[in-house]
Amino acid sequence: MEKTIFGGRPNNPAAYCKLHCGSLTVKEMKRKGCLGKQCWHLQKNEQHEYWRQRELAKARKEK
């Protein structure tokens, strides 16, 4: 199991930061503002439920 960028062990990582060489949970991603900054170091874990929920929310906004 990998470590998070803050030093813990993630149970369900949503992404990986190539800059900091660590996994990110959803909470950590929001705390760092990775999506708001459109950080290109962020590598999504496509199997994580967060990304599906995010796509559904975007689709609802478009309607």
C-alpha atoms as a PDB file:
ATOM      1  CA  MET A   1       0.000   0.000   0.000  1.00  0.00           C
ATOM      2  CA  GLU A   2       1.216   3.476  -0.810  1.00  0.00           C
ATOM      3  CA  LYS A   3       1.491   6.480   1.445  1.00  0.00           C
ATOM      4  CA  THR A   4      -0.413   9.735   1.137  1.00  0.00           C
ATOM      5  CA  ILE A   5       1.392  13.006   0.590  1.00  0.00           C
ATOM      6  CA  PHE A   6       0.683  13.843   4.243  1.00  0.00           C
ATOM      7  CA  GLY A   7       2.250  10.605   5.510  1.00  0.00           C
ATOM      8  CA  GLY A   8      -0.781   8.428   6.283  1.00  0.00           C
ATOM      9  CA  ARG A   9      -1.979   5.232   4.650  1.00  0.00           C
ATOM     10  CA  PRO A  10      -5.030   5.693   2.388  1.00  0.00           C
ATOM     11  CA  ASN A  11      -7.854   3.168   2.490  1.00  0.00           C
ATOM     12  CA  ASN A  12      -9.371   4.378  -0.761  1.00  0.00           C
ATOM     13  CA  PRO A  13      -7.105   6.720  -2.776  1.00  0.00           C
ATOM     14  CA  ALA A  14      -8.874   8.807  -5.428  1.00  0.00           C
ATOM     15  CA  ALA A  15      -5.727  10.003  -7.197  1.00  0.00           C
ATOM     16  CA  TYR A  16      -1.948   9.990  -7.278  1.00  0.00           C
ATOM     17  CA  CYS A  17       0.262  13.084  -7.223  1.00  0.00           C
ATOM     18  CA  LYS A  18       3.290  12.662  -9.488  1.00  0.00           C
ATOM     19  CA  LEU A  19       4.933  15.767  -8.018  1.00  0.00           C
ATOM     20  CA  HIS A  20       4.770  14.662  -4.369  1.00  0.00           C
ATOM     21  CA  CYS A  21       4.931  10.913  -5.148  1.00  0.00           C
ATOM     22  CA  GLY A  22       1.971   9.976  -2.986  1.00  0.00           C
ATOM     23  CA  SER A  23      -1.672   9.001  -3.095  1.00  0.00           C
ATOM     24  CA  LEU A  24      -4.495  11.405  -2.362  1.00  0.00           C
ATOM     25  CA  THR A  25      -7.862  10.802  -0.804  1.00  0.00           C
ATOM     26  CA  VAL A  26     -10.804  12.982  -1.816  1.00  0.00           C
ATOM     27  CA  LYS A  27     -10.477  15.024   1.372  1.00  0.00           C
ATOM     28  CA  GLU A  28      -6.772  15.654   0.774  1.00  0.00           C
ATOM     29  CA  MET A  29      -7.405  16.582  -2.852  1.00  0.00           C
ATOM     30  CA  LYS A  30      -9.955  19.179  -1.775  1.00  0.00           C
ATOM     31  CA  ARG A  31      -7.646  20.456   0.969  1.00  0.00           C
ATOM     32  CA  LYS A  32      -4.767  20.973  -1.483  1.00  0.00           C
ATOM     33  CA  GLY A  33      -7.066  22.442  -4.160  1.00  0.00           C
ATOM     34  CA  CYS A  34      -5.693  20.175  -6.885  1.00  0.00           C
ATOM     35  CA  LEU A  35      -8.791  20.282  -9.069  1.00  0.00           C
ATOM     36  CA  GLY A  36      -9.289  24.017  -8.663  1.00  0.00           C
ATOM     37  CA  LYS A  37      -5.694  24.616  -9.708  1.00  0.00           C
ATOM     38  CA  GLN A  38      -6.085  22.130 -12.582  1.00  0.00           C
ATOM     39  CA  CYS A  39      -2.833  20.537 -11.456  1.00  0.00           C
ATOM     40  CA  TRP A  40      -1.345  18.443 -14.244  1.00  0.00           C
ATOM     41  CA  HIS A  41       0.587  16.303 -11.746  1.00  0.00           C
ATOM     42  CA  LEU A  42      -2.692  14.711 -10.624  1.00  0.00           C
ATOM     43  CA  GLN A  43      -3.343  11.228 -11.986  1.00  0.00           C
ATOM     44  CA  LYS A  44      -6.936  10.037 -11.459  1.00  0.00           C
ATOM     45  CA  ASN A  45      -7.821   6.621 -10.097  1.00  0.00           C
ATOM     46  CA  GLU A  46     -10.644   6.007 -12.591  1.00  0.00           C
ATOM     47  CA  GLN A  47     -12.149   3.165 -10.504  1.00  0.00           C
ATOM     48  CA  HIS A  48     -12.860   5.487  -7.580  1.00  0.00           C
ATOM     49  CA  GLU A  49     -16.527   6.412  -7.053  1.00  0.00           C
ATOM     50  CA  TYR A  50     -15.672  10.131  -6.669  1.00  0.00           C
ATOM     51  CA  TRP A  51     -14.969  10.549 -10.386  1.00  0.00           C
ATOM     52  CA  ARG A  52     -18.273   8.922 -11.413  1.00  0.00           C
ATOM     53  CA  GLN A  53     -20.194  11.157  -9.011  1.00  0.00           C
ATOM     54  CA  ARG A  54     -18.358  14.187 -10.365  1.00  0.00           C
ATOM     55  CA  GLU A  55     -19.305  13.310 -13.963  1.00  0.00           C
ATOM     56  CA  LEU A  56     -22.956  12.849 -12.951  1.00  0.00           C
ATOM     57  CA  ALA A  57     -22.979  16.245 -11.239  1.00  0.00           C
ATOM     58  CA  LYS A  58     -21.517  17.890 -14.355  1.00  0.00           C
ATOM     59  CA  ALA A  59     -24.139  16.201 -16.540  1.00  0.00           C
ATOM     60  CA  ARG A  60     -26.945  17.473 -14.273  1.00  0.00           C
ATOM     61  CA  LYS A  61     -25.615  21.034 -14.459  1.00  0.00           C
ATOM     62  CA  GLU A  62     -25.604  20.925 -18.266  1.00  0.00           C
ATOM     63  CA  LYS A  63     -29.324  20.075 -18.428  1.00  0.00           C
END
